[in-house]
Amino acid sequence: MEILDRYIDQLLEKSSPQAPVWNIEKMNHIKKPSWNYVDGCMIKAVLELYHIRKDPKYLEFADHFIDYFVQEDGSITSYDPKEYNLDNVNAGKTLFDLYQLTGKDKYQKAIHTVYSQLKEQPRTSTGNFWHKQIYPQQIWLDGLYMAQPFYMQYELTYNNGAGCRDSYQQFLNVYQLMRDLRNGLYYHAYDDSRESFWCDKVTGLSDNFWLRAHGWYAMALIDTMAIMPDSMAEEKKQLSKIYRELIDAMIPYQDQETGMWYQVVNRGGISPNYLETSGSAIFAYAIMKSVRLGLLDPAYYAYGKKAFEGICTKYLWEKDGELQLGGICLVAGLGNKEMREGTFDYYMREPIVQNDAKGVAPLILAYIETLFS
């Protein structure tokens, strides 16, 4: 799609490590450049585009962007591993590619820097990483995407797979703890301590089924399975079963007209719920990729392709000569009693923005999947 190529070029031309136009939170608050998961999502997508297109401009952009933060000793500007924030692991995924493609030793050193966080990351009683140190005893679906593909790749690359079973077990725990047996959907978060104001005091679970959290979880599964070694064939088979159950649970909630999904997945008929871009794009990508990898039957491809095309039709438009991608939930989480209580109303009042990488990056990844067909 020529329009998407033009849109990607537009974003890259207007962005720098100091001012990435796709990071709306940073641009809105004029924050200093920092190592963060939003930029990590975008740069990972740019690298994937390089792999399929072989156009050096994509590698040059990604290298320049990440190089800005990574110092020669492997330390990373603005990143403190001891904050124990899983979001900060996500951008570390770009380092594996960049080290292989550029040979810069500092990228390998930075991989070890990011891993130093996971070595000491606090854990719940089940053995799962806390989402953040400031959210003690909590598992969020988001965190599986932020950390597990990096964790699996590091263990395979540097530790002879020693921690791969641990990563696998963390997925199993989420399946057992956070999945609703009635509809197959997953609650956004779980508090092992049952102390958070937002959680059910018996189950420890939050109240709602947030679309992008499901998307993060789907991507975590598919991206982790994609790098699992042959020696973990049985474990991969189990994760594949969990993944198929997730997709089968989501398909009944897919909007028939657009192929998209709603911000709160199972409440599509309640105003002001809306068809949300980022989560829909993630599922478009995950479904099409998993068909390509043989993890889903080819018949599923149509569901992913329909979501991709629906997003482009509904939310990608041109204004004053520039392309815009709308319908993106800026951010949603749990915590801060006055603001993030996890109710339906909460997910509805979070800002809806344009051109944020949480929507743009997965749409690029979905676009890449269409190029394989």
Protein backbone atom coordinates (compact mmCIF):
# COMPACT_ATOMS: atom_id res chain seq x y z
CA MET A 1 0.00 0.00 0.00
CA GLU A 2 1.63 3.14 -1.25
CA ILE A 3 -0.27 5.25 1.28
CA LEU A 4 1.34 3.42 4.20
CA ASP A 5 4.82 3.74 2.71
CA ARG A 6 4.23 7.47 2.43
CA TYR A 7 2.89 7.63 5.99
CA ILE A 8 5.93 5.80 7.41
CA ASP A 9 8.34 8.07 5.52
CA GLN A 10 6.43 11.11 6.78
CA LEU A 11 6.84 10.05 10.41
CA LEU A 12 10.52 9.20 10.07
CA GLU A 13 11.34 12.44 8.27
CA LYS A 14 9.75 14.48 11.07
CA SER A 15 11.30 12.53 13.95
CA SER A 16 14.56 12.41 15.85
CA PRO A 17 15.67 10.75 19.12
CA GLN A 18 15.09 14.10 20.80
CA ALA A 19 11.61 14.59 19.35
CA PRO A 20 9.87 11.48 18.00
CA VAL A 21 6.53 12.70 16.65
CA TRP A 22 4.94 9.29 17.32
CA ASN A 23 5.48 9.58 21.09
CA ILE A 24 2.49 11.74 21.93
CA GLU A 25 2.96 11.53 25.71
CA LYS A 26 6.46 13.00 25.39
CA MET A 27 5.52 15.58 22.79
CA ASN A 28 2.51 16.76 24.81
CA HIS A 29 4.52 17.24 27.99
CA ILE A 30 7.76 18.39 26.32
CA LYS A 31 9.72 15.75 28.23
CA LYS A 32 13.42 15.10 27.75
CA PRO A 33 14.41 12.24 25.44
CA SER A 34 14.29 8.93 27.29
CA TRP A 35 14.58 5.19 26.84
CA ASN A 36 10.96 4.02 26.70
CA TYR A 37 8.70 1.30 25.39
CA VAL A 38 6.80 3.50 22.91
CA ASP A 39 9.93 4.35 20.94
CA GLY A 40 10.99 0.72 21.31
CA CYS A 41 7.80 -0.41 19.57
CA MET A 42 8.39 1.97 16.69
CA ILE A 43 12.07 1.22 16.16
CA LYS A 44 11.38 -2.52 16.26
CA ALA A 45 8.79 -2.03 13.51
CA VAL A 46 11.26 0.03 11.46
CA LEU A 47 13.84 -2.76 11.78
CA GLU A 48 11.29 -5.34 10.64
CA LEU A 49 10.57 -3.12 7.64
CA TYR A 50 14.29 -3.06 6.89
CA HIS A 51 14.46 -6.86 6.98
CA ILE A 52 11.79 -7.24 4.32
CA ARG A 53 12.54 -4.16 2.18
CA LYS A 54 16.36 -4.06 2.55
CA ASP A 55 16.22 -0.29 2.15
CA PRO A 56 19.21 1.10 4.10
CA LYS A 57 17.27 4.21 5.16
CA TYR A 58 15.32 2.12 7.69
CA LEU A 59 18.42 0.61 9.25
CA GLU A 60 20.16 3.98 9.30
CA PHE A 61 17.22 5.58 11.07
CA ALA A 62 16.93 2.80 13.68
CA ASP A 63 20.68 2.75 14.30
CA HIS A 64 20.87 6.53 14.68
CA PHE A 65 17.89 6.54 17.05
CA ILE A 66 19.10 3.81 19.42
CA ASP A 67 22.75 4.88 19.19
CA TYR A 68 21.72 8.22 20.70
CA PHE A 69 20.83 6.50 23.99
CA VAL A 70 23.42 3.72 24.19
CA GLN A 71 26.84 4.71 25.52
CA GLU A 72 30.13 2.99 24.70
CA ASP A 73 30.17 1.15 28.03
CA GLY A 74 26.69 -0.25 27.41
CA SER A 75 24.91 2.09 29.80
CA ILE A 76 21.73 3.65 28.48
CA THR A 77 20.90 7.32 28.90
CA SER A 78 17.89 7.87 31.19
CA TYR A 79 17.53 4.14 31.94
CA ASP A 80 18.04 2.76 35.45
CA PRO A 81 17.65 -1.03 35.64
CA LYS A 82 16.98 -0.72 39.36
CA GLU A 83 13.66 1.01 38.69
CA TYR A 84 12.49 -2.52 37.85
CA ASN A 85 10.01 -1.29 35.27
CA LEU A 86 9.18 -3.96 32.67
CA ASP A 87 8.17 -1.28 30.16
CA ASN A 88 11.84 -0.30 29.94
CA VAL A 89 12.84 -3.76 28.75
CA ASN A 90 10.86 -3.48 25.51
CA ALA A 91 13.29 -1.22 23.65
CA GLY A 92 16.02 -3.73 24.47
CA LYS A 93 14.61 -6.01 21.77
CA THR A 94 16.02 -3.66 19.14
CA LEU A 95 19.55 -4.23 20.43
CA PHE A 96 19.78 -7.85 19.24
CA ASP A 97 19.06 -6.82 15.66
CA LEU A 98 21.23 -3.75 15.76
CA TYR A 99 24.21 -5.63 17.17
CA GLN A 100 23.95 -8.22 14.40
CA LEU A 101 23.45 -5.64 11.67
CA THR A 102 26.02 -3.04 12.75
CA GLY A 103 28.52 -5.00 14.84
CA LYS A 104 28.67 -2.17 17.39
CA ASP A 105 30.01 -3.70 20.58
CA LYS A 106 28.14 -1.21 22.72
CA TYR A 107 24.84 -2.73 21.62
CA GLN A 108 25.87 -6.11 22.97
CA LYS A 109 26.94 -4.47 26.23
CA ALA A 110 23.57 -2.71 26.40
CA ILE A 111 21.79 -6.07 26.00
CA HIS A 112 23.52 -7.20 29.18
CA THR A 113 22.54 -3.92 30.86
CA VAL A 114 18.87 -4.54 30.15
CA TYR A 115 19.14 -8.16 31.26
CA SER A 116 20.65 -7.03 34.56
CA GLN A 117 17.19 -5.67 35.40
CA LEU A 118 15.44 -8.98 34.79
CA LYS A 119 18.01 -10.85 36.88
CA GLU A 120 16.90 -8.86 39.91
CA GLN A 121 13.29 -8.07 38.96
CA PRO A 122 11.00 -8.66 41.98
CA ARG A 123 8.56 -11.54 41.56
CA THR A 124 5.13 -12.55 42.76
CA SER A 125 4.55 -15.72 44.77
CA THR A 126 3.87 -17.47 41.43
CA GLY A 127 7.32 -16.49 40.11
CA ASN A 128 6.09 -13.83 37.69
CA PHE A 129 7.91 -10.54 37.28
CA TRP A 130 6.27 -7.59 39.02
CA HIS A 131 5.06 -5.19 36.35
CA LYS A 132 6.92 -2.36 38.06
CA GLN A 133 8.53 -1.83 41.42
CA ILE A 134 6.01 0.94 42.04
CA TYR A 135 3.23 -1.62 41.47
CA PRO A 136 4.29 -4.35 43.91
CA GLN A 137 2.99 -7.90 43.48
CA GLN A 138 1.15 -6.99 40.25
CA ILE A 139 1.09 -8.83 36.91
CA TRP A 140 -0.19 -6.86 33.91
CA LEU A 141 -0.77 -8.44 30.50
CA ASP A 142 1.26 -5.55 29.08
CA GLY A 143 4.36 -6.74 30.91
CA LEU A 144 4.47 -10.07 29.11
CA TYR A 145 5.03 -8.29 25.81
CA MET A 146 7.49 -5.82 27.30
CA ALA A 147 9.75 -8.47 28.82
CA GLN A 148 9.22 -12.07 27.74
CA PRO A 149 10.41 -12.03 24.09
CA PHE A 150 13.59 -10.22 25.24
CA TYR A 151 14.03 -12.64 28.15
CA MET A 152 13.64 -15.71 25.93
CA GLN A 153 16.03 -14.34 23.31
CA TYR A 154 18.66 -13.43 25.88
CA GLU A 155 18.55 -16.85 27.52
CA LEU A 156 18.93 -18.56 24.15
CA THR A 157 21.73 -16.27 22.99
CA TYR A 158 23.83 -15.99 26.14
CA ASN A 159 22.74 -18.62 28.70
CA ASN A 160 22.23 -21.79 26.64
CA GLY A 161 18.49 -21.49 27.26
CA ALA A 162 18.81 -21.74 31.05
CA GLY A 163 15.91 -19.37 31.79
CA CYS A 164 13.62 -20.33 28.90
CA ARG A 165 11.55 -22.65 31.06
CA ASP A 166 11.04 -19.80 33.54
CA SER A 167 9.70 -17.56 30.77
CA TYR A 168 7.36 -20.34 29.65
CA GLN A 169 6.09 -20.85 33.18
CA GLN A 170 5.24 -17.17 33.53
CA PHE A 171 2.90 -17.52 30.54
CA LEU A 172 1.28 -20.58 32.07
CA ASN A 173 0.70 -18.72 35.33
CA VAL A 174 -1.07 -15.89 33.51
CA TYR A 175 -3.25 -18.40 31.66
CA GLN A 176 -4.26 -19.97 34.96
CA LEU A 177 -4.68 -16.75 36.94
CA MET A 178 -6.03 -14.10 34.58
CA ARG A 179 -8.27 -15.85 32.05
CA ASP A 180 -12.05 -15.75 32.46
CA LEU A 181 -13.31 -19.29 31.91
CA ARG A 182 -16.72 -18.04 30.76
CA ASN A 183 -15.61 -16.12 27.66
CA GLY A 184 -11.89 -16.88 27.28
CA LEU A 185 -10.89 -13.22 27.69
CA TYR A 186 -8.23 -11.98 30.09
CA TYR A 187 -8.45 -9.35 32.81
CA HIS A 188 -6.00 -6.49 32.42
CA ALA A 189 -4.13 -7.11 35.67
CA TYR A 190 -3.77 -9.28 38.75
CA ASP A 191 -2.62 -8.32 42.24
CA ASP A 192 -1.03 -11.24 44.06
CA SER A 193 -1.34 -9.39 47.38
CA ARG A 194 -5.04 -8.48 46.92
CA GLU A 195 -4.21 -5.03 48.38
CA SER A 196 -4.77 -2.71 45.38
CA PHE A 197 -7.93 -0.65 45.45
CA TRP A 198 -8.81 -1.76 41.91
CA CYS A 199 -8.70 -5.52 42.42
CA ASP A 200 -11.30 -8.06 43.48
CA LYS A 201 -10.33 -9.05 47.02
CA VAL A 202 -10.99 -12.74 46.35
CA THR A 203 -9.53 -13.21 42.86
CA GLY A 204 -7.01 -10.35 42.81
CA LEU A 205 -8.23 -9.42 39.33
CA SER A 206 -9.11 -6.08 37.79
CA ASP A 207 -12.62 -5.47 36.44
CA ASN A 208 -12.46 -5.24 32.66
CA PHE A 209 -11.18 -6.68 29.41
CA TRP A 210 -9.05 -3.96 27.82
CA LEU A 211 -8.32 -4.48 24.14
CA ARG A 212 -4.67 -3.39 23.97
CA ALA A 213 -3.76 -5.53 26.97
CA HIS A 214 -5.11 -8.54 25.04
CA GLY A 215 -3.05 -7.38 22.08
CA TRP A 216 0.15 -7.09 24.11
CA TYR A 217 -0.47 -10.60 25.40
CA ALA A 218 -1.11 -11.98 21.91
CA MET A 219 2.10 -10.38 20.61
CA ALA A 220 4.02 -11.68 23.61
CA LEU A 221 2.90 -15.20 22.81
CA ILE A 222 3.53 -15.10 19.07
CA ASP A 223 6.87 -13.28 19.30
CA THR A 224 8.12 -15.61 22.04
CA MET A 225 6.99 -18.75 20.23
CA ALA A 226 8.72 -17.51 17.08
CA ILE A 227 12.13 -17.77 18.77
CA MET A 228 11.60 -20.85 20.96
CA PRO A 229 14.13 -23.61 20.16
CA ASP A 230 13.31 -27.07 18.86
CA SER A 231 14.20 -28.46 22.29
CA MET A 232 11.06 -26.76 23.62
CA ALA A 233 8.65 -28.32 21.14
CA GLU A 234 6.23 -29.50 23.83
CA GLU A 235 6.24 -26.12 25.57
CA LYS A 236 5.68 -24.37 22.25
CA LYS A 237 2.77 -26.71 21.56
CA GLN A 238 1.18 -25.70 24.88
CA LEU A 239 1.66 -21.97 24.25
CA SER A 240 0.24 -22.44 20.76
CA LYS A 241 -2.88 -23.97 22.30
CA ILE A 242 -3.19 -21.03 24.70
CA TYR A 243 -2.73 -18.63 21.80
CA ARG A 244 -5.39 -20.31 19.63
CA GLU A 245 -7.84 -20.19 22.53
CA LEU A 246 -7.18 -16.46 22.86
CA ILE A 247 -7.80 -15.81 19.16
CA ASP A 248 -10.92 -17.99 19.21
CA ALA A 249 -12.18 -15.95 22.18
CA MET A 250 -11.54 -12.65 20.38
CA ILE A 251 -13.10 -13.46 17.00
CA PRO A 252 -16.74 -13.40 18.22
CA TYR A 253 -16.15 -9.81 19.39
CA GLN A 254 -14.71 -8.65 16.05
CA ASP A 255 -16.80 -5.91 14.46
CA GLN A 256 -18.48 -7.33 11.36
CA GLU A 257 -18.21 -4.17 9.29
CA THR A 258 -14.65 -3.01 10.00
CA GLY A 259 -12.96 -6.12 11.37
CA MET A 260 -11.76 -4.06 14.34
CA TRP A 261 -12.30 -4.57 18.07
CA TYR A 262 -13.65 -2.28 20.79
CA GLN A 263 -11.63 -0.53 23.49
CA VAL A 264 -13.40 -2.65 26.13
CA VAL A 265 -13.64 -5.87 24.18
CA ASN A 266 -16.97 -7.31 25.35
CA ARG A 267 -18.93 -4.05 25.63
CA GLY A 268 -19.23 -3.06 21.98
CA GLY A 269 -22.85 -2.01 22.23
CA ILE A 270 -22.39 0.44 25.09
CA SER A 271 -21.71 4.11 24.33
CA PRO A 272 -19.13 5.65 24.34
CA ASN A 273 -17.14 2.47 23.65
CA TYR A 274 -15.29 2.78 20.34
CA LEU A 275 -13.37 0.76 17.77
CA GLU A 276 -9.75 1.18 18.85
CA THR A 277 -6.79 1.20 16.49
CA SER A 278 -3.79 -0.03 18.48
CA GLY A 279 -5.31 -3.23 19.83
CA SER A 280 -6.97 -3.98 16.51
CA ALA A 281 -3.67 -3.49 14.66
CA ILE A 282 -1.89 -5.78 17.10
CA PHE A 283 -4.39 -8.56 16.46
CA ALA A 284 -4.15 -7.99 12.71
CA TYR A 285 -0.39 -8.48 12.96
CA ALA A 286 -0.50 -11.40 15.40
CA ILE A 287 -3.11 -13.36 13.46
CA MET A 288 -1.44 -12.94 10.07
CA LYS A 289 2.02 -13.71 11.47
CA SER A 290 0.82 -16.82 13.28
CA VAL A 291 -0.74 -18.13 10.06
CA ARG A 292 2.58 -17.54 8.28
CA LEU A 293 4.41 -19.45 11.01
CA GLY A 294 1.96 -22.32 10.84
CA LEU A 295 0.56 -21.72 14.33
CA LEU A 296 -2.95 -21.02 13.06
CA ASP A 297 -4.90 -22.57 10.22
CA PRO A 298 -4.74 -20.50 6.98
CA ALA A 299 -8.46 -19.75 7.31
CA TYR A 300 -7.67 -17.36 10.18
CA TYR A 301 -5.68 -15.05 7.89
CA ALA A 302 -8.88 -13.38 6.70
CA TYR A 303 -9.66 -12.16 10.22
CA GLY A 304 -6.29 -10.42 10.49
CA LYS A 305 -6.41 -8.98 6.99
CA LYS A 306 -9.92 -7.65 7.57
CA ALA A 307 -8.80 -5.84 10.73
CA PHE A 308 -5.82 -4.32 8.91
CA GLU A 309 -7.93 -3.09 6.02
CA GLY A 310 -10.66 -1.85 8.36
CA ILE A 311 -8.21 0.32 10.29
CA CYS A 312 -6.84 1.85 7.10
CA THR A 313 -10.35 2.58 5.84
CA LYS A 314 -11.75 3.98 9.08
CA TYR A 315 -8.83 5.77 10.70
CA LEU A 316 -6.11 6.55 8.12
CA TRP A 317 -6.79 9.81 6.34
CA GLU A 318 -5.08 12.86 4.89
CA LYS A 319 -5.27 16.37 6.31
CA ASP A 320 -3.44 19.39 4.91
CA GLY A 321 -1.22 17.14 2.84
CA GLU A 322 -0.21 14.94 5.77
CA LEU A 323 -1.46 11.49 6.66
CA GLN A 324 -3.00 10.84 10.07
CA LEU A 325 -3.80 7.63 11.92
CA GLY A 326 -6.58 8.10 14.48
CA GLY A 327 -8.55 6.09 17.00
CA ILE A 328 -5.58 5.32 19.27
CA CYS A 329 -6.01 5.09 23.04
CA LEU A 330 -3.09 7.10 24.40
CA VAL A 331 -2.51 5.10 27.56
CA ALA A 332 -4.37 2.96 30.09
CA GLY A 333 -3.23 1.36 33.31
CA LEU A 334 -4.19 0.69 36.90
CA GLY A 335 -3.20 2.66 39.96
CA ASN A 336 -3.57 6.19 41.32
CA LYS A 337 -6.90 5.99 43.09
CA GLU A 338 -8.37 9.15 41.64
CA MET A 339 -7.58 8.33 38.01
CA ARG A 340 -6.98 4.69 37.08
CA GLU A 341 -9.51 2.49 38.82
CA GLY A 342 -10.05 0.10 35.90
CA THR A 343 -13.79 0.68 35.45
CA PHE A 344 -15.51 0.85 32.06
CA ASP A 345 -15.78 4.63 32.51
CA TYR A 346 -12.04 4.83 33.14
CA TYR A 347 -11.14 3.16 29.83
CA MET A 348 -13.58 5.50 28.09
CA ARG A 349 -12.11 8.70 29.48
CA GLU A 350 -8.50 8.08 28.54
CA PRO A 351 -7.49 10.35 25.62
CA ILE A 352 -7.91 9.18 22.03
CA VAL A 353 -5.07 10.48 19.85
CA GLN A 354 -3.56 10.40 16.37
CA ASN A 355 -0.21 9.06 15.16
CA ASP A 356 0.94 7.50 18.42
CA ALA A 357 3.38 4.60 17.98
CA LYS A 358 1.24 2.30 20.10
CA GLY A 359 -1.06 2.27 17.07
CA VAL A 360 1.39 3.09 14.28
CA ALA A 361 4.00 0.42 15.08
CA PRO A 362 1.64 -2.58 15.10
CA LEU A 363 -0.04 -1.28 11.93
CA ILE A 364 3.39 -1.28 10.26
CA LEU A 365 3.97 -4.84 11.51
CA ALA A 366 0.57 -5.88 10.14
CA TYR A 367 1.41 -4.19 6.84
CA ILE A 368 4.65 -6.20 6.68
CA GLU A 369 2.66 -9.41 7.13
CA THR A 370 0.55 -8.54 4.08
CA LEU A 371 3.76 -8.32 2.03
CA PHE A 372 4.49 -11.99 2.68
CA SER A 373 1.22 -13.16 1.12
